[in-house]
């Protein structure tokens, strides 16, 4: 796979991730009744939902800045994976396997995006830029 294809896949993934998690964060911050209802049904308290929304929106802003904040982007990817993992297991425990489809799709989408990020920016490059 050449660098151009890798960049196209990466930026497509970043845009899709930004739309997905940006919308989710926005709905959490604006107390959308559907999102809040599901999240509270899973057992999460109100203050956690607001905090989740703030971190999602901040993370999406970070991902959308090209060629900057690479180490912080690593943290954003880690946070998104934590969010997906907790969503998957919370839904599995409370709502059943059929409710986990969105988490599985998100995991695949973000995994591909992260692998393309790693192809574009090696660990050595991230460490050099961060110094």
Protein backbone atom coordinates (compact mmCIF):
# COMPACT_ATOMS: atom_id res chain seq x y z
CA UNK A 1 0.00 0.00 0.00
CA UNK A 2 1.47 3.35 -0.99
CA UNK A 3 1.53 6.52 1.13
CA UNK A 4 -1.31 8.17 -0.80
CA UNK A 5 -3.68 5.23 -0.22
CA UNK A 6 -2.69 5.14 3.45
CA UNK A 7 -3.47 8.86 3.81
CA UNK A 8 -6.83 8.47 2.07
CA UNK A 9 -7.83 5.59 4.34
CA UNK A 10 -6.54 7.45 7.42
CA UNK A 11 -8.38 10.71 6.68
CA UNK A 12 -11.57 8.86 5.72
CA UNK A 13 -11.38 7.07 9.07
CA UNK A 14 -10.67 10.30 10.94
CA UNK A 15 -13.67 11.99 9.33
CA UNK A 16 -15.98 9.04 10.06
CA UNK A 17 -14.66 8.79 13.62
CA UNK A 18 -15.11 12.53 14.06
CA UNK A 19 -18.68 12.39 12.83
CA UNK A 20 -19.51 9.38 15.03
CA UNK A 21 -17.85 10.48 18.26
CA UNK A 22 -18.40 14.20 17.63
CA UNK A 23 -22.15 13.62 17.34
CA UNK A 24 -22.09 11.39 20.40
CA UNK A 25 -20.17 14.02 22.40
CA UNK A 26 -22.50 16.78 21.22
CA UNK A 27 -25.57 14.75 22.22
CA UNK A 28 -24.04 14.03 25.63
CA UNK A 29 -23.31 17.72 26.21
CA UNK A 30 -26.77 18.83 25.07
CA UNK A 31 -28.56 16.18 27.17
CA UNK A 32 -30.18 14.50 24.18
CA UNK A 33 -32.92 12.32 25.75
CA UNK A 34 -32.18 9.25 23.62
CA UNK A 35 -28.43 9.23 24.29
CA UNK A 36 -28.86 10.12 27.95
CA UNK A 37 -31.59 7.50 28.39
CA UNK A 38 -29.43 4.70 27.01
CA UNK A 39 -26.34 5.83 28.94
CA UNK A 40 -28.25 6.07 32.21
CA UNK A 41 -29.88 2.70 31.53
CA UNK A 42 -26.35 1.30 31.35
CA UNK A 43 -25.75 2.67 34.85
CA UNK A 44 -23.58 5.73 34.20
CA UNK A 45 -24.19 8.86 36.33
CA UNK A 46 -24.96 12.31 34.90
CA UNK A 47 -21.61 13.88 35.73
CA UNK A 48 -19.85 11.09 33.83
CA UNK A 49 -21.98 11.66 30.72
CA UNK A 50 -21.02 15.36 30.61
CA UNK A 51 -17.34 14.54 31.10
CA UNK A 52 -17.51 11.94 28.34
CA UNK A 53 -19.00 14.55 26.01
CA UNK A 54 -16.26 17.08 26.79
CA UNK A 55 -13.48 14.56 26.17
CA UNK A 56 -15.06 13.29 22.95
CA UNK A 57 -15.38 16.78 21.48
CA UNK A 58 -11.84 17.73 22.56
CA UNK A 59 -10.50 14.47 21.12
CA UNK A 60 -12.21 15.00 17.79
CA UNK A 61 -10.78 18.51 17.53
CA UNK A 62 -7.33 17.03 18.18
CA UNK A 63 -7.75 14.34 15.52
CA UNK A 64 -8.79 16.88 12.90
CA UNK A 65 -5.61 18.97 13.21
CA UNK A 66 -3.30 17.68 10.46
CA UNK A 67 0.31 16.69 11.26
CA UNK A 68 0.25 18.19 14.78
CA UNK A 69 -0.22 16.93 18.34
CA UNK A 70 0.78 13.39 17.34
CA UNK A 71 1.44 12.17 20.87
CA UNK A 72 -1.90 13.61 22.00
CA UNK A 73 -3.57 11.82 19.08
CA UNK A 74 -2.19 8.56 20.50
CA UNK A 75 -4.01 9.39 23.75
CA UNK A 76 -7.18 10.24 21.82
CA UNK A 77 -7.11 6.85 20.11
CA UNK A 78 -6.58 5.19 23.50
CA UNK A 79 -9.55 7.10 24.93
CA UNK A 80 -11.76 6.15 22.00
CA UNK A 81 -10.80 2.48 22.43
CA UNK A 82 -11.65 2.70 26.15
CA UNK A 83 -15.00 4.29 25.28
CA UNK A 84 -15.78 1.58 22.74
CA UNK A 85 -14.71 -1.20 25.12
CA UNK A 86 -16.82 0.09 28.00
CA UNK A 87 -19.79 0.67 25.68
CA UNK A 88 -19.50 -2.88 24.35
CA UNK A 89 -19.32 -4.59 27.74
CA UNK A 90 -21.95 -2.32 29.33
CA UNK A 91 -24.40 -3.01 26.53
CA UNK A 92 -23.57 -6.70 26.58
CA UNK A 93 -24.22 -6.92 30.33
CA UNK A 94 -27.38 -4.80 30.41
CA UNK A 95 -29.01 -4.95 26.97
CA UNK A 96 -27.65 -8.14 25.40
CA UNK A 97 -25.40 -8.95 22.47
CA UNK A 98 -27.70 -7.49 19.81
CA UNK A 99 -27.19 -4.01 21.30
CA UNK A 100 -23.41 -4.17 20.77
CA UNK A 101 -23.44 -3.86 16.98
CA UNK A 102 -22.51 -0.17 17.01
CA UNK A 103 -19.56 -0.81 19.33
CA UNK A 104 -18.27 -3.59 17.08
CA UNK A 105 -18.54 -1.39 13.97
CA UNK A 106 -16.85 1.50 15.81
CA UNK A 107 -14.04 -0.80 16.96
CA UNK A 108 -13.30 -1.97 13.42
CA UNK A 109 -13.48 1.57 12.01
CA UNK A 110 -11.21 3.08 14.67
CA UNK A 111 -8.79 0.14 14.51
CA UNK A 112 -8.27 0.61 10.77
CA UNK A 113 -7.85 4.36 11.28
CA UNK A 114 -5.31 3.83 14.06
CA UNK A 115 -3.29 1.33 12.00
CA UNK A 116 -3.15 3.86 9.16
CA UNK A 117 -2.05 6.53 11.67
CA UNK A 118 0.76 4.22 12.79
CA UNK A 119 1.80 3.63 9.17
CA UNK A 120 1.92 7.37 8.51
CA UNK A 121 3.68 8.29 11.75
CA UNK A 122 6.20 5.89 13.22
CA UNK A 123 7.00 5.90 16.95
CA UNK A 124 10.36 7.48 16.25
CA UNK A 125 8.70 10.31 14.28
CA UNK A 126 6.11 10.92 17.02
CA UNK A 127 8.85 11.02 19.68
CA UNK A 128 10.95 13.42 17.61
CA UNK A 129 8.06 15.79 16.93
CA UNK A 130 6.96 15.73 20.59
CA UNK A 131 10.39 16.82 21.86
